[in-house]
Amino acid sequence: MNFNNLNQLYRSVIMDHYKNPRNKGVIEDGTLTVDMNNPTCGDRIRLTLNVVDEIVEDVKFDGEGCSISMASASMMTESITGRNINEALSMGDEFSKMMLGEDYDISEEMGDIEALSGVSQFPARIKCATLSWKALEKGVKADSKQ
């Protein structure tokens, strides 16, 4: 597959997650709720998780923003559901490396997330792509302090 075909495939995956978001909504009695925003782009997200015995049993997001931020949140929720919370955080670290153009290790378990790899070429959009992952990290850190 040549670069243009791959680029088009990635674009269509991103638009599919944007137009048909997975896990959109709110978990009313979730164990973690985090609100974050990206004032630069106007993205805002509420991430709710139900974590039981260190396993992300359910995760949903709500909010509004650009196609990159909403698609990334959709992809993230798919990839971390059923995972140990530390594994989910590790996935976030690898995603951040990918966004920064560093060497990264994206596994098949992360689903469609590699479709966002091209975002690293647009520094202003990196915050859009990482917003949901930063919300996850913030929520877990806040929860561990309680």
Protein backbone atom coordinates (compact mmCIF):
# COMPACT_ATOMS: atom_id res chain seq x y z
CA MET A 1 0.00 0.00 0.00
CA ASN A 2 1.51 3.34 -0.95
CA PHE A 3 1.67 6.37 1.33
CA ASN A 4 -1.32 8.15 -0.25
CA ASN A 5 -3.55 5.10 0.14
CA LEU A 6 -2.44 4.63 3.75
CA ASN A 7 -3.01 8.32 4.47
CA GLN A 8 -6.53 8.09 2.99
CA LEU A 9 -7.26 4.95 5.02
CA TYR A 10 -6.15 6.67 8.22
CA ARG A 11 -8.27 9.71 7.37
CA SER A 12 -11.35 7.53 6.83
CA VAL A 13 -10.76 5.69 10.15
CA ILE A 14 -10.53 9.03 11.98
CA MET A 15 -13.71 10.32 10.34
CA ASP A 16 -15.54 7.09 11.15
CA HIS A 17 -14.70 7.45 14.86
CA TYR A 18 -15.68 11.13 14.73
CA LYS A 19 -19.02 10.56 13.01
CA ASN A 20 -19.81 7.28 14.82
CA PRO A 21 -18.10 7.61 18.19
CA ARG A 22 -17.73 4.50 20.28
CA ASN A 23 -18.53 4.66 24.00
CA LYS A 24 -19.98 8.16 23.87
CA GLY A 25 -21.99 9.05 26.94
CA VAL A 26 -21.60 9.20 30.70
CA ILE A 27 -21.40 6.45 33.32
CA GLU A 28 -23.70 7.79 36.03
CA ASP A 29 -22.10 5.89 38.91
CA GLY A 30 -18.56 5.65 37.56
CA THR A 31 -15.62 5.35 39.90
CA LEU A 32 -13.72 8.15 38.10
CA THR A 33 -14.92 11.33 36.41
CA VAL A 34 -12.53 13.80 34.83
CA ASP A 35 -13.26 17.04 32.99
CA MET A 36 -10.60 18.58 30.78
CA ASN A 37 -10.44 21.10 28.00
CA ASN A 38 -8.10 22.34 25.32
CA PRO A 39 -8.70 26.09 25.14
CA THR A 40 -6.53 26.41 22.03
CA CYS A 41 -8.97 24.42 19.90
CA GLY A 42 -12.10 24.62 22.07
CA ASP A 43 -12.16 20.87 22.78
CA ARG A 44 -13.71 19.75 26.03
CA ILE A 45 -14.18 16.27 27.35
CA ARG A 46 -15.71 14.49 30.30
CA LEU A 47 -14.25 11.04 30.80
CA THR A 48 -16.06 8.61 33.10
CA LEU A 49 -14.70 5.22 34.04
CA ASN A 50 -15.82 2.27 36.10
CA VAL A 51 -12.66 0.67 37.46
CA VAL A 52 -13.06 -2.50 39.54
CA ASP A 53 -10.05 -4.30 41.01
CA GLU A 54 -7.70 -2.23 38.82
CA ILE A 55 -9.57 -3.25 35.62
CA VAL A 56 -11.30 -0.68 33.39
CA GLU A 57 -14.68 -2.38 33.18
CA ASP A 58 -16.34 0.49 31.34
CA VAL A 59 -15.31 3.88 30.00
CA LYS A 60 -17.28 6.58 28.26
CA PHE A 61 -16.59 10.08 27.06
CA ASP A 62 -18.76 13.09 26.42
CA GLY A 63 -17.96 16.54 25.16
CA GLU A 64 -17.37 18.42 21.99
CA GLY A 65 -14.44 19.35 19.86
CA CYS A 66 -12.61 18.85 16.64
CA SER A 67 -12.58 15.57 14.73
CA ILE A 68 -9.11 14.70 16.05
CA SER A 69 -10.01 15.04 19.75
CA MET A 70 -13.32 13.22 19.47
CA ALA A 71 -11.93 10.41 17.29
CA SER A 72 -8.99 9.98 19.66
CA ALA A 73 -11.36 9.71 22.65
CA SER A 74 -13.43 7.11 20.82
CA MET A 75 -10.34 5.09 19.92
CA MET A 76 -8.96 5.37 23.45
CA THR A 77 -12.14 4.09 25.08
CA GLU A 78 -12.12 1.06 22.78
CA SER A 79 -8.48 0.28 23.50
CA ILE A 80 -8.55 0.54 27.31
CA THR A 81 -11.84 -1.24 28.06
CA GLY A 82 -11.10 -4.50 29.87
CA ARG A 83 -7.48 -3.55 30.55
CA ASN A 84 -5.61 -3.16 33.81
CA ILE A 85 -5.39 0.54 34.69
CA ASN A 86 -1.57 0.45 34.60
CA GLU A 87 -1.68 -1.12 31.15
CA ALA A 88 -4.06 1.65 30.04
CA LEU A 89 -1.61 4.27 31.35
CA SER A 90 1.23 2.54 29.53
CA MET A 91 -0.81 2.68 26.33
CA GLY A 92 -1.16 6.41 26.94
CA ASP A 93 2.60 6.75 27.26
CA GLU A 94 3.11 4.99 23.92
CA PHE A 95 0.46 7.18 22.32
CA SER A 96 2.23 10.31 23.62
CA LYS A 97 5.52 9.05 22.16
CA MET A 98 3.80 8.57 18.80
CA MET A 99 2.40 12.11 18.96
CA LEU A 100 5.86 13.51 19.73
CA GLY A 101 7.43 11.66 16.80
CA GLU A 102 9.48 9.44 19.10
CA ASP A 103 9.95 5.68 18.79
CA TYR A 104 6.77 4.03 20.03
CA ASP A 105 5.29 0.58 20.43
CA ILE A 106 1.63 0.53 19.45
CA SER A 107 0.24 -2.97 19.81
CA GLU A 108 -2.75 -4.45 18.01
CA GLU A 109 -4.69 -4.23 21.27
CA MET A 110 -4.76 -0.46 20.79
CA GLY A 111 -7.04 -0.88 17.79
CA ASP A 112 -7.33 2.03 15.39
CA ILE A 113 -5.16 4.43 17.42
CA GLU A 114 -2.24 4.34 14.98
CA ALA A 115 -4.48 6.09 12.45
CA LEU A 116 -3.67 9.26 14.41
CA SER A 117 0.09 8.96 13.78
CA GLY A 118 -0.01 11.71 11.14
CA VAL A 119 -1.12 14.23 13.76
CA SER A 120 2.49 14.37 14.97
CA GLN A 121 3.25 16.45 11.85
CA PHE A 122 0.93 19.19 13.11
CA PRO A 123 2.15 20.39 16.53
CA ALA A 124 -0.95 22.53 17.12
CA ARG A 125 -3.15 19.42 16.88
CA ILE A 126 -1.19 17.20 19.28
CA LYS A 127 -3.09 18.61 22.27
CA CYS A 128 -6.34 17.70 20.52
CA ALA A 129 -5.26 14.09 20.06
CA THR A 130 -3.87 13.66 23.57
CA LEU A 131 -6.72 15.33 25.49
CA SER A 132 -8.58 12.12 26.39
CA TRP A 133 -5.33 10.34 27.30
CA LYS A 134 -4.32 13.25 29.55
CA ALA A 135 -7.77 13.09 31.18
CA LEU A 136 -7.23 9.39 31.89
CA GLU A 137 -3.84 10.10 33.45
CA LYS A 138 -5.19 12.99 35.51
CA GLY A 139 -8.09 10.91 36.80
CA VAL A 140 -5.95 7.95 37.79
CA LYS A 141 -3.41 10.17 39.55
CA ALA A 142 -6.16 12.03 41.45
CA ASP A 143 -7.82 8.73 42.41
CA SER A 144 -4.57 7.24 43.69
CA LYS A 145 -4.12 10.19 46.06
CA GLN A 146 -7.45 9.50 47.76
